[in-house]
Amino acid sequence: MKDYKEWASLKKGDEVTDFFRQKTGVIISDIGIGYTVEWKDGTKERITNGMLYEK
C-alpha cells in the first residue's frame, strides 16, 4: 500500500499492480481523483482507493 506521497507520485505510463487482485496494467490517465488503468486483459478501470503500487 502507498502513502499519500507515493500514491501522488504515480503518473501516466507507469506500470502498476492492484494490491488486492494482483492485476497488472498501465496508467492511461492521471487527471482528476485517482487513476485510470488499462489492465493487461484490455479492460479499463478508475482506481481511487490507493491500492496500486508501481511494478
Protein backbone atom coordinates (compact mmCIF):
# COMPACT_ATOMS: atom_id res chain seq x y z
CA MET A 1 0.00 0.00 0.00
CA LYS A 2 1.21 3.51 -0.75
CA ASP A 3 1.17 6.53 1.49
CA TYR A 4 -0.14 9.81 0.02
CA LYS A 5 3.23 11.00 -1.37
CA GLU A 6 3.91 7.68 -3.10
CA TRP A 7 0.33 7.50 -4.46
CA ALA A 8 0.56 11.08 -5.76
CA SER A 9 3.88 10.33 -7.50
CA LEU A 10 2.28 7.86 -9.95
CA LYS A 11 1.86 9.23 -13.46
CA LYS A 12 0.56 8.35 -16.91
CA GLY A 13 2.57 5.49 -18.43
CA ASP A 14 3.59 3.89 -15.12
CA GLU A 15 3.12 0.13 -14.94
CA VAL A 16 1.21 -0.72 -11.77
CA THR A 17 -0.25 -3.69 -9.90
CA ASP A 18 -3.52 -3.72 -7.94
CA PHE A 19 -2.68 -4.52 -4.31
CA PHE A 20 -5.63 -6.88 -3.66
CA ARG A 21 -6.31 -8.51 -7.03
CA GLN A 22 -2.70 -8.75 -8.25
CA LYS A 23 -3.75 -7.43 -11.67
CA THR A 24 -1.11 -5.60 -13.72
CA GLY A 25 -1.71 -2.70 -16.05
CA VAL A 26 -0.61 0.74 -17.21
CA ILE A 27 -1.93 4.11 -16.05
CA ILE A 28 -3.56 5.76 -19.07
CA SER A 29 -4.94 8.84 -17.28
CA ASP A 30 -3.93 10.70 -14.15
CA ILE A 31 -6.41 13.58 -14.40
CA GLY A 32 -8.78 14.23 -11.50
CA ILE A 33 -9.12 11.96 -8.49
CA GLY A 34 -7.34 8.64 -8.81
CA TYR A 35 -6.01 6.99 -11.93
CA THR A 36 -7.48 5.22 -14.95
CA VAL A 37 -5.68 1.93 -15.53
CA GLU A 38 -5.78 -0.27 -18.60
CA TRP A 39 -5.26 -3.82 -17.35
CA LYS A 40 -3.34 -6.45 -19.31
CA ASP A 41 -6.67 -8.13 -20.21
CA GLY A 42 -7.77 -4.95 -22.04
CA THR A 43 -10.32 -3.69 -19.51
CA LYS A 44 -10.12 -0.13 -18.19
CA GLU A 45 -10.93 0.90 -14.64
CA ARG A 46 -10.81 4.03 -12.48
CA ILE A 47 -8.86 3.41 -9.26
CA THR A 48 -9.29 5.84 -6.38
CA ASN A 49 -8.59 3.69 -3.32
CA GLY A 50 -4.79 4.00 -3.18
CA MET A 51 -4.24 0.27 -3.61
CA LEU A 52 -1.88 0.49 -6.59
CA TYR A 53 1.84 0.02 -6.43
CA GLU A 54 4.42 0.60 -9.10
CA LYS A 55 5.73 -2.54 -10.73
